[in-house]
Every structure is written in C-alpha cells, then in structure tokens.
C-alpha atoms as a PDB file:
ATOM      1  CA  MET A   1       0.000   0.000   0.000  1.00  0.00           C
ATOM      2  CA  LEU A   2       1.564   3.289  -1.028  1.00  0.00           C
ATOM      3  CA  ILE A   3       0.921   6.076   1.421  1.00  0.00           C
ATOM      4  CA  SER A   4       1.921   9.703   0.851  1.00  0.00           C
ATOM      5  CA  LEU A   5       1.702  12.175   3.703  1.00  0.00           C
ATOM      6  CA  LYS A   6       1.236  15.662   2.258  1.00  0.00           C
ATOM      7  CA  HIS A   7       2.432  18.605   4.281  1.00  0.00           C
ATOM      8  CA  ARG A   8      -1.018  20.166   4.189  1.00  0.00           C
ATOM      9  CA  CYS A   9      -2.794  17.075   5.439  1.00  0.00           C
ATOM     10  CA  LYS A  10      -5.120  17.803   8.357  1.00  0.00           C
ATOM     11  CA  PRO A  11      -4.586  15.995  11.688  1.00  0.00           C
ATOM     12  CA  ALA A  12      -7.398  13.529  11.015  1.00  0.00           C
ATOM     13  CA  CYS A  13      -5.819  12.685   7.673  1.00  0.00           C
ATOM     14  CA  LEU A  14      -2.465  12.097   9.348  1.00  0.00           C
ATOM     15  CA  VAL A  15      -4.008   9.747  11.888  1.00  0.00           C
ATOM     16  CA  LEU A  16      -5.686   7.766   9.120  1.00  0.00           C
ATOM     17  CA  ALA A  17      -2.500   7.609   7.080  1.00  0.00           C
ATOM     18  CA  VAL A  18      -0.415   6.403  10.020  1.00  0.00           C
ATOM     19  CA  THR A  19      -3.057   3.798  10.810  1.00  0.00           C
ATOM     20  CA  LEU A  20      -3.007   2.536   7.234  1.00  0.00           C
ATOM     21  CA  LEU A  21       0.765   2.423   7.227  1.00  0.00           C
ATOM     22  CA  SER A  22       0.721   0.367  10.408  1.00  0.00           C
ATOM     23  CA  MET A  23      -1.750  -2.034   8.794  1.00  0.00           C
ATOM     24  CA  ALA A  24       0.453  -2.321   5.733  1.00  0.00           C
ATOM     25  CA  ASN A  25       3.459  -3.035   7.894  1.00  0.00           C
ATOM     26  CA  ILE A  26       1.636  -5.778   9.769  1.00  0.00           C
ATOM     27  CA  GLY A  27       0.308  -7.370   6.597  1.00  0.00           C
ATOM     28  CA  CYS A  28       3.605  -7.071   4.758  1.00  0.00           C
ATOM     29  CA  SER A  29       6.028  -8.254   7.424  1.00  0.00           C
ATOM     30  CA  SER A  30       4.522 -11.542   8.552  1.00  0.00           C
ATOM     31  CA  HIS A  31       6.430 -13.470   5.882  1.00  0.00           C
ATOM     32  CA  GLN A  32       9.432 -14.124   8.110  1.00  0.00           C
ATOM     33  CA  GLY A  33       7.761 -16.788  10.191  1.00  0.00           C
ATOM     34  CA  HIS A  34       6.221 -18.429   7.121  1.00  0.00           C
ATOM     35  CA  ALA A  35       9.493 -18.517   5.231  1.00  0.00           C
ATOM     36  CA  ALA A  36      11.374 -19.899   8.210  1.00  0.00           C
ATOM     37  CA  ALA A  37       8.919 -22.759   8.610  1.00  0.00           C
ATOM     38  CA  LYS A  38       9.915 -24.192   5.244  1.00  0.00           C
ATOM     39  CA  THR A  39      13.554 -24.758   6.063  1.00  0.00           C
ATOM     40  CA  GLY A  40      13.391 -26.900   9.164  1.00  0.00           C
ATOM     41  CA  GLU A  41      15.400 -24.196  10.953  1.00  0.00           C
ATOM     42  CA  SER A  42      13.485 -21.289  12.408  1.00  0.00           C
ATOM     43  CA  ALA A  43      14.931 -17.975  11.360  1.00  0.00           C
ATOM     44  CA  THR A  44      12.860 -16.393  14.119  1.00  0.00           C
ATOM     45  CA  SER A  45      14.396 -18.558  16.836  1.00  0.00           C
ATOM     46  CA  ASP A  46      17.833 -17.977  15.322  1.00  0.00           C
ATOM     47  CA  ALA A  47      17.337 -14.234  15.618  1.00  0.00           C
ATOM     48  CA  ALA A  48      16.225 -14.632  19.222  1.00  0.00           C
ATOM     49  CA  THR A  49      19.443 -16.452  20.174  1.00  0.00           C
ATOM     50  CA  ILE A  50      21.850 -13.998  18.581  1.00  0.00           C
ATOM     51  CA  SER A  51      24.051 -12.430  21.191  1.00  0.00           C
ATOM     52  CA  ILE A  52      25.396  -9.039  20.184  1.00  0.00           C
ATOM     53  CA  GLN A  53      28.631  -9.273  22.134  1.00  0.00           C
ATOM     54  CA  SER A  54      29.867  -5.706  21.927  1.00  0.00           C
ATOM     55  CA  PRO A  55      28.658  -2.127  21.555  1.00  0.00           C
ATOM     56  CA  LEU A  56      30.456  -2.088  18.199  1.00  0.00           C
ATOM     57  CA  ALA A  57      28.389  -5.031  16.936  1.00  0.00           C
ATOM     58  CA  SER A  58      25.234  -3.389  18.272  1.00  0.00           C
ATOM     59  CA  ARG A  59      26.046  -0.285  16.232  1.00  0.00           C
ATOM     60  CA  GLY A  60      26.664  -2.536  13.243  1.00  0.00           C
ATOM     61  CA  LYS A  61      23.167  -3.939  13.567  1.00  0.00           C
ATOM     62  CA  LEU A  62      21.732  -0.419  13.601  1.00  0.00           C
ATOM     63  CA  ILE A  63      23.612   0.358  10.385  1.00  0.00           C
ATOM     64  CA  PHE A  64      22.475  -2.931   8.872  1.00  0.00           C
ATOM     65  CA  ASP A  65      18.815  -2.303   9.727  1.00  0.00           C
ATOM     66  CA  GLN A  66      18.678   1.454   9.008  1.00  0.00           C
ATOM     67  CA  THR A  67      21.513   2.086   6.586  1.00  0.00           C
ATOM     68  CA  PRO A  68      20.420   5.487   5.195  1.00  0.00           C
ATOM     69  CA  LYS A  69      20.100   6.819   8.748  1.00  0.00           C
ATOM     70  CA  TYR A  70      23.361   5.520  10.206  1.00  0.00           C
ATOM     71  CA  ALA A  71      25.625   5.484   7.123  1.00  0.00           C
ATOM     72  CA  SER A  72      24.099   8.372   5.204  1.00  0.00           C
ATOM     73  CA  ALA A  73      27.408   9.616   3.768  1.00  0.00           C
ATOM     74  CA  TYR A  74      27.796   6.420   1.754  1.00  0.00           C
ATOM     75  CA  VAL A  75      24.210   5.698   0.653  1.00  0.00           C
ATOM     76  CA  GLY A  76      22.598   6.997  -2.542  1.00  0.00           C
ATOM     77  CA  ASN A  77      19.072   5.646  -2.112  1.00  0.00           C
ATOM     78  CA  LYS A  78      16.652   4.725   0.687  1.00  0.00           C
ATOM     79  CA  LEU A  79      17.433   1.023   0.976  1.00  0.00           C
ATOM     80  CA  SER A  80      18.932  -0.717   3.994  1.00  0.00           C
ATOM     81  CA  CYS A  81      20.953  -3.937   4.106  1.00  0.00           C
ATOM     82  CA  ASN A  82      17.957  -5.435   5.896  1.00  0.00           C
ATOM     83  CA  ASP A  83      15.732  -4.945   2.837  1.00  0.00           C
ATOM     84  CA  CYS A  84      17.514  -7.732   0.949  1.00  0.00           C
ATOM     85  CA  HIS A  85      19.145  -9.639   3.827  1.00  0.00           C
ATOM     86  CA  ILE A  86      15.906  -9.719   5.769  1.00  0.00           C
ATOM     87  CA  GLN A  87      15.399 -10.096   9.504  1.00  0.00           C
ATOM     88  CA  SER A  88      18.717  -8.384  10.177  1.00  0.00           C
ATOM     89  CA  GLY A  89      20.531 -10.880   7.987  1.00  0.00           C
ATOM     90  CA  THR A  90      19.239 -13.988   9.773  1.00  0.00           C
ATOM     91  CA  ALA A  91      16.330 -15.192   7.597  1.00  0.00           C
ATOM     92  CA  ASP A  92      16.961 -18.447   5.753  1.00  0.00           C
ATOM     93  CA  TYR A  93      17.245 -18.200   1.962  1.00  0.00           C
ATOM     94  CA  ALA A  94      17.291 -14.417   2.038  1.00  0.00           C
ATOM     95  CA  ALA A  95      21.097 -14.243   1.718  1.00  0.00           C
ATOM     96  CA  PRO A  96      21.660 -14.551   5.498  1.00  0.00           C
ATOM     97  CA  MET A  97      24.868 -13.409   7.172  1.00  0.00           C
ATOM     98  CA  ILE A  98      24.968 -16.360   9.562  1.00  0.00           C
ATOM     99  CA  HIS A  99      28.401 -18.094   9.636  1.00  0.00           C
ATOM    100  CA  LEU A 100      29.448 -15.929   6.672  1.00  0.00           C
ATOM    101  CA  ALA A 101      32.411 -14.030   8.094  1.00  0.00           C
ATOM    102  CA  GLY A 102      34.770 -17.014   8.120  1.00  0.00           C
ATOM    103  CA  LEU A 103      34.225 -17.752   4.414  1.00  0.00           C
ATOM    104  CA  PHE A 104      36.321 -14.730   3.428  1.00  0.00           C
ATOM    105  CA  PRO A 105      38.593 -14.090   1.661  1.00  0.00           C
ATOM    106  CA  MET A 106      36.938 -15.716  -1.358  1.00  0.00           C
ATOM    107  CA  PHE A 107      37.007 -15.397  -5.139  1.00  0.00           C
ATOM    108  CA  ASN A 108      34.339 -13.073  -6.488  1.00  0.00           C
ATOM    109  CA  LYS A 109      33.327 -13.848 -10.060  1.00  0.00           C
ATOM    110  CA  ARG A 110      31.893 -10.400 -10.769  1.00  0.00           C
ATOM    111  CA  ALA A 111      34.964  -8.586  -9.464  1.00  0.00           C
ATOM    112  CA  GLY A 112      37.293 -11.143 -11.047  1.00  0.00           C
ATOM    113  CA  HIS A 113      39.555 -11.431  -8.018  1.00  0.00           C
ATOM    114  CA  VAL A 114      39.716 -12.571  -4.402  1.00  0.00           C
ATOM    115  CA  ILE A 115      37.849 -10.241  -2.053  1.00  0.00           C
ATOM    116  CA  SER A 116      37.641  -9.692   1.684  1.00  0.00           C
ATOM    117  CA  LEU A 117      34.477  -9.310   3.737  1.00  0.00           C
ATOM    118  CA  GLU A 118      35.170  -5.566   3.733  1.00  0.00           C
ATOM    119  CA  ASN A 119      35.304  -5.627  -0.089  1.00  0.00           C
ATOM    120  CA  ARG A 120      31.947  -7.442  -0.167  1.00  0.00           C
ATOM    121  CA  ILE A 121      30.404  -4.751   2.025  1.00  0.00           C
ATOM    122  CA  GLN A 122      31.880  -2.084  -0.253  1.00  0.00           C
ATOM    123  CA  GLU A 123      30.259  -3.851  -3.203  1.00  0.00           C
ATOM    124  CA  CYS A 124      26.853  -3.680  -1.534  1.00  0.00           C
ATOM    125  CA  PHE A 125      27.197   0.020  -0.820  1.00  0.00           C
ATOM    126  CA  SER A 126      28.254   0.867  -4.382  1.00  0.00           C
ATOM    127  CA  ARG A 127      25.588  -1.316  -6.010  1.00  0.00           C
ATOM    128  CA  SER A 128      22.579  -2.174  -3.830  1.00  0.00           C
ATOM    129  CA  GLU A 129      22.836   1.079  -1.874  1.00  0.00           C
ATOM    130  CA  ALA A 130      23.559   3.044  -5.078  1.00  0.00           C
ATOM    131  CA  GLY A 131      26.206   4.926  -3.134  1.00  0.00           C
ATOM    132  CA  ARG A 132      29.945   4.670  -2.659  1.00  0.00           C
ATOM    133  CA  PRO A 133      32.213   2.140  -0.906  1.00  0.00           C
ATOM    134  CA  LEU A 134      32.719   2.397   2.809  1.00  0.00           C
ATOM    135  CA  PRO A 135      36.371   3.132   3.638  1.00  0.00           C
ATOM    136  CA  VAL A 136      37.928   0.006   5.157  1.00  0.00           C
ATOM    137  CA  GLU A 137      39.036   1.891   8.256  1.00  0.00           C
ATOM    138  CA  SER A 138      35.766   3.779   8.772  1.00  0.00           C
ATOM    139  CA  ASP A 139      33.748   3.400  11.964  1.00  0.00           C
ATOM    140  CA  GLU A 140      30.797   2.153   9.914  1.00  0.00           C
ATOM    141  CA  MET A 141      32.876  -0.612   8.327  1.00  0.00           C
ATOM    142  CA  HIS A 142      34.267  -1.758  11.667  1.00  0.00           C
ATOM    143  CA  ALA A 143      30.762  -1.866  13.108  1.00  0.00           C
ATOM    144  CA  LEU A 144      29.246  -3.842  10.220  1.00  0.00           C
ATOM    145  CA  VAL A 145      32.082  -6.378  10.258  1.00  0.00           C
ATOM    146  CA  ALA A 146      31.665  -6.776  14.029  1.00  0.00           C
ATOM    147  CA  TYR A 147      27.930  -7.391  13.613  1.00  0.00           C
ATOM    148  CA  ILE A 148      28.350  -9.931  10.805  1.00  0.00           C
ATOM    149  CA  ASP A 149      31.066 -11.655  12.816  1.00  0.00           C
ATOM    150  CA  SER A 150      28.675 -11.860  15.773  1.00  0.00           C
ATOM    151  CA  LEU A 151      26.286 -13.954  13.654  1.00  0.00           C
ATOM    152  CA  SER A 152      28.800 -16.797  13.566  1.00  0.00           C
ATOM    153  CA  ARG A 153      27.873 -18.672  16.720  1.00  0.00           C
ATOM    154  CA  GLY A 154      28.187 -22.123  18.191  1.00  0.00           C
ATOM    155  CA  GLY A 155      31.488 -22.777  16.446  1.00  0.00           C
ATOM    156  CA  GLY A 156      29.874 -22.320  13.043  1.00  0.00           C
ATOM    157  CA  LYS A 157      32.063 -19.520  11.740  1.00  0.00           C
ATOM    158  CA  GLY A 158      33.044 -20.245   8.155  1.00  0.00           C
ATOM    159  CA  LYS A 159      31.007 -23.451   7.953  1.00  0.00           C
ATOM    160  CA  PRO A 160      28.221 -23.903   5.385  1.00  0.00           C
ATOM    161  CA  TYR A 161      24.901 -22.724   6.782  1.00  0.00           C
ATOM    162  CA  LYS A 162      21.815 -24.695   5.800  1.00  0.00           C
ATOM    163  CA  GLY A 163      19.827 -21.607   4.794  1.00  0.00           C
ATOM    164  CA  ARG A 164      22.708 -19.823   3.077  1.00  0.00           C
ATOM    165  CA  GLY A 165      22.144 -17.781  -0.089  1.00  0.00           C
ATOM    166  CA  LEU A 166      18.917 -18.130  -2.051  1.00  0.00           C
ATOM    167  CA  VAL A 167      16.814 -21.120  -3.075  1.00  0.00           C
ATOM    168  CA  LYS A 168      17.705 -22.963  -6.273  1.00  0.00           C
ATOM    169  CA  LEU A 169      15.332 -22.472  -9.194  1.00  0.00           C
ATOM    170  CA  PRO A 170      15.261 -23.968 -12.686  1.00  0.00           C
ATOM    171  CA  SER A 171      16.435 -21.659 -15.449  1.00  0.00           C
ATOM    172  CA  LEU A 172      13.341 -20.053 -16.943  1.00  0.00           C
ATOM    173  CA  GLU A 173      12.566 -17.090 -19.194  1.00  0.00           C
ATOM    174  CA  GLY A 174      10.566 -14.347 -17.562  1.00  0.00           C
ATOM    175  CA  ASP A 175       7.722 -12.578 -19.349  1.00  0.00           C
ATOM    176  CA  ALA A 176       7.602  -8.917 -18.300  1.00  0.00           C
ATOM    177  CA  THR A 177       4.045  -8.485 -19.581  1.00  0.00           C
ATOM    178  CA  ALA A 178       2.787 -11.374 -17.485  1.00  0.00           C
ATOM    179  CA  GLY A 179       4.972 -10.130 -14.652  1.00  0.00           C
ATOM    180  CA  LYS A 180       3.195  -6.797 -14.622  1.00  0.00           C
ATOM    181  CA  GLN A 181      -0.051  -8.583 -13.825  1.00  0.00           C
ATOM    182  CA  VAL A 182       1.650 -10.522 -11.028  1.00  0.00           C
ATOM    183  CA  TYR A 183       3.042  -7.272  -9.668  1.00  0.00           C
ATOM    184  CA  VAL A 184      -0.326  -5.511  -9.722  1.00  0.00           C
ATOM    185  CA  SER A 185      -2.094  -8.384  -7.971  1.00  0.00           C
ATOM    186  CA  GLN A 186       0.611  -9.474  -5.525  1.00  0.00           C
ATOM    187  CA  CYS A 187       3.137  -6.663  -4.962  1.00  0.00           C
ATOM    188  CA  ALA A 188       1.651  -3.224  -5.597  1.00  0.00           C
ATOM    189  CA  SER A 189      -0.306  -3.128  -2.332  1.00  0.00           C
ATOM    190  CA  CYS A 190       3.001  -2.953  -0.455  1.00  0.00           C
ATOM    191  CA  HIS A 191       5.503  -1.511  -2.934  1.00  0.00           C
ATOM    192  CA  GLY A 192       3.114   0.834  -4.736  1.00  0.00           C
ATOM    193  CA  THR A 193       1.953   0.956  -8.325  1.00  0.00           C
ATOM    194  CA  ASP A 194       4.974   3.156  -9.018  1.00  0.00           C
ATOM    195  CA  GLY A 195       7.418   0.798  -7.278  1.00  0.00           C
ATOM    196  CA  ALA A 196       8.407   3.507  -4.797  1.00  0.00           C
ATOM    197  CA  GLY A 197       7.456   1.571  -1.656  1.00  0.00           C
ATOM    198  CA  VAL A 198       7.164   3.383   1.673  1.00  0.00           C
ATOM    199  CA  PRO A 199      10.774   3.739   2.892  1.00  0.00           C
ATOM    200  CA  PRO A 200      12.018   2.795   5.390  1.00  0.00           C
ATOM    201  CA  VAL A 201       9.158   0.366   6.056  1.00  0.00           C
ATOM    202  CA  LEU A 202       8.680  -1.035   2.551  1.00  0.00           C
ATOM    203  CA  PRO A 203      11.568  -0.775   0.056  1.00  0.00           C
ATOM    204  CA  ALA A 204      11.435   0.816  -3.373  1.00  0.00           C
ATOM    205  CA  LEU A 205      11.782  -1.691  -6.224  1.00  0.00           C
ATOM    206  CA  TRP A 206      12.612   0.842  -8.908  1.00  0.00           C
ATOM    207  CA  GLY A 207      13.118   4.571  -9.273  1.00  0.00           C
ATOM    208  CA  PRO A 208      15.661   6.849  -7.555  1.00  0.00           C
ATOM    209  CA  ASP A 209      15.282   5.278  -4.107  1.00  0.00           C
ATOM    210  CA  SER A 210      16.003   1.720  -5.260  1.00  0.00           C
ATOM    211  CA  TYR A 211      19.150  -0.292  -6.067  1.00  0.00           C
ATOM    212  CA  ASN A 212      21.122   0.569  -9.177  1.00  0.00           C
ATOM    213  CA  ASP A 213      21.521  -1.446 -12.365  1.00  0.00           C
ATOM    214  CA  GLY A 214      24.768  -2.989 -11.121  1.00  0.00           C
ATOM    215  CA  ALA A 215      23.166  -4.658  -8.098  1.00  0.00           C
ATOM    216  CA  GLY A 216      22.613  -8.385  -7.755  1.00  0.00           C
ATOM    217  CA  MET A 217      18.854  -7.871  -7.499  1.00  0.00           C
ATOM    218  CA  ASN A 218      18.946  -6.408 -11.006  1.00  0.00           C
ATOM    219  CA  ASN A 219      19.577  -9.959 -12.219  1.00  0.00           C
ATOM    220  CA  PRO A 220      16.083 -11.452 -12.824  1.00  0.00           C
ATOM    221  CA  ALA A 221      17.223 -14.984 -11.963  1.00  0.00           C
ATOM    222  CA  LYS A 222      18.567 -13.861  -8.582  1.00  0.00           C
ATOM    223  CA  MET A 223      15.505 -11.777  -7.870  1.00  0.00           C
ATOM    224  CA  ALA A 224      13.249 -14.693  -8.789  1.00  0.00           C
ATOM    225  CA  ALA A 225      15.098 -16.910  -6.296  1.00  0.00           C
ATOM    226  CA  PHE A 226      14.590 -14.274  -3.608  1.00  0.00           C
ATOM    227  CA  VAL A 227      10.965 -13.627  -4.521  1.00  0.00           C
ATOM    228  CA  ILE A 228       9.751 -17.222  -4.621  1.00  0.00           C
ATOM    229  CA  HIS A 229      10.793 -17.932  -1.020  1.00  0.00           C
ATOM    230  CA  ASN A 230      10.251 -14.547   0.620  1.00  0.00           C
ATOM    231  CA  MET A 231       7.452 -12.805  -1.286  1.00  0.00           C
ATOM    232  CA  PRO A 232       4.677 -11.691  -1.247  1.00  0.00           C
ATOM    233  CA  GLN A 233       5.476 -10.628   2.284  1.00  0.00           C
ATOM    234  CA  ASN A 234       2.111 -11.661   3.695  1.00  0.00           C
ATOM    235  CA  HIS A 235       1.915 -14.916   1.685  1.00  0.00           C
ATOM    236  CA  PRO A 236       5.483 -16.101   0.940  1.00  0.00           C
ATOM    237  CA  GLY A 237       5.914 -19.185  -1.186  1.00  0.00           C
ATOM    238  CA  THR A 238       2.596 -18.839  -3.011  1.00  0.00           C
ATOM    239  CA  LEU A 239       4.046 -17.838  -6.392  1.00  0.00           C
ATOM    240  CA  THR A 240       5.127 -20.407  -8.934  1.00  0.00           C
ATOM    241  CA  ALA A 241       8.673 -20.377 -10.286  1.00  0.00           C
ATOM    242  CA  GLN A 242       7.355 -18.965 -13.561  1.00  0.00           C
ATOM    243  CA  GLN A 243       5.482 -16.190 -11.776  1.00  0.00           C
ATOM    244  CA  ALA A 244       8.617 -15.330  -9.796  1.00  0.00           C
ATOM    245  CA  TYR A 245      10.603 -15.065 -13.039  1.00  0.00           C
ATOM    246  CA  ASP A 246       7.856 -13.046 -14.699  1.00  0.00           C
ATOM    247  CA  VAL A 247       7.531 -10.450 -11.945  1.00  0.00           C
ATOM    248  CA  SER A 248      11.322 -10.225 -11.717  1.00  0.00           C
ATOM    249  CA  ALA A 249      11.518  -9.579 -15.462  1.00  0.00           C
ATOM    250  CA  PHE A 250       8.934  -6.809 -15.095  1.00  0.00           C
ATOM    251  CA  ILE A 251      10.817  -5.144 -12.230  1.00  0.00           C
ATOM    252  CA  HIS A 252      14.090  -5.534 -14.144  1.00  0.00           C
ATOM    253  CA  ALA A 253      12.615  -3.561 -17.047  1.00  0.00           C
ATOM    254  CA  MET A 254      11.770  -0.558 -14.888  1.00  0.00           C
ATOM    255  CA  PRO A 255      14.034   2.523 -14.519  1.00  0.00           C
ATOM    256  CA  ARG A 256      16.588   2.737 -11.736  1.00  0.00           C
ATOM    257  CA  PRO A 257      19.873   4.517 -10.908  1.00  0.00           C
ATOM    258  CA  GLN A 258      22.923   3.726 -13.012  1.00  0.00           C
ATOM    259  CA  PHE A 259      25.898   1.955 -11.485  1.00  0.00           C
ATOM    260  CA  ASN A 260      28.991   4.138 -11.158  1.00  0.00           C
ATOM    261  CA  GLN A 261      31.626   2.364 -13.256  1.00  0.00           C
ATOM    262  CA  ALA A 262      34.336   3.907 -11.085  1.00  0.00           C
ATOM    263  CA  TYR A 263      33.448   1.133  -8.622  1.00  0.00           C
ATOM    264  CA  LYS A 264      33.516  -1.762 -11.092  1.00  0.00           C
ATOM    265  CA  ASN A 265      36.193  -3.586  -9.071  1.00  0.00           C
ATOM    266  CA  TYR A 266      33.590  -4.095  -6.336  1.00  0.00           C
END
C-alpha cells in the first residue's frame, strides 16, 4: 500500500494515514515466520538467540537495519541492508549473514579477483545502496564487520549454513508483460503501483530510491530466487517459479539509478 503524507494534510488525515501504514506493515512483514517454517530451521528462533557481544556489533546492527540513517554519507538511495538480507541478515534463503564471516577471503566472479568481507560490504554500498564504498578503516565498516562476525555462533564460523544464499530455481525465461499482472495483484499493495514503496518500512523496487543497475537484485534470476521464497510478504511461497521469473523480469525492465563504473572492481 503506497501512502503519501502531504504537508497540508489535516490531523485527522495524518491519523488515518499512520493507521493505514501500520496495517500495511503488519500485513507485509509476517512473511518471516512463514518462510522460516519451510527450512526446518526457524529464522525467528535464530534471531532470538543472537548475542550481540559488543557495543560495536550493536552499532553494526543499527547500520544494517537502518543504513540510510546511520551510514548516510555512503548511501545513494533509501534502501537498507535489511531490505535484501531480511530479519537483520538472519532469515533463511534471504542471503543470510549467519556463519558468513569465516568464508572470506573468497574469489568473487563479478569482481574477477579474491575479495575480503570488507570488499563485499563495499560492493553492496556501491551497487545495492547506489552509493559509494565504505572506507575500510571507517567506523561504519568496523561496526558492520563486528555485527556480521557476531552472527557466527556455536562454532559455526566459516562453515556452510543450511539456509545460506537463495533457493535454487530452474532456469526459466521471464515474461515482463505477465509479470506486470503478477506485480499488480501481488506486490503493488506494499511496494506501490509506481514501485516507490514506503521507505524505510517497505523498500522501493525501482526509481531513484532503489538499487542501481549494477546490483545483484537487477539480475532477474537472482531476484526470482529471492521472490519465490520470501514474497509476497504476507503470503510467501505462493508464487510459482514462472510467476517469480515473470515479476522479476517486469521489475528488471523498470528505470533505476545507473551503477557508477568507477566502482567496477567491487
């Protein structure tokens, strides 16, 4: 549901708008429990057992959850890390951060060389955040690394995590025309008919406040793998693989910021 609060709106209008936004948030955030139930490991219980061991890691979680607010100098849109790595990076098959820190350094195919965890975070800021890379020695970088490191628990650091990455889908061709119909019926109530969402509650899927054309989500196959397990937010897992590809093809065709080629090594 797209809600716009005009500066001339009367108090009664504001109350109604806030109420509707709250309803949208409730209806569009219940997917986390549903998605977790499919994996045999509860993402919700995982999140409940995470121990943020230091003030630095706690700050990292704030940056992760509200990136434009706490890392504004490096963000070019209104997306947070949490919009793609949902439930603060702990939800299964939503590219979780659990046990991830120990896997670096690793070879990155897109960059064409071995990267560190700090490099991977820089990649997200320059692509998904449509901004610029965090300096390695910045306070924000130290905090994010500390938070991600805190998600490796129970001796699992660097070990494969059952819910890692995204689900595997067959290779299909998406139909943007069919995808528009899927979007209108399944997505527009949360993300808006114009794809602008209601930041920071509901992320923009295209336009100036969304990820740029160099981001991983701009790959329809990757978006389809995210969508089929995690969306629609109030009824995750109800789309077919073909519908997930179709709606991803439609979103892919919409305008968005351009990737700054100065950051192509990320």
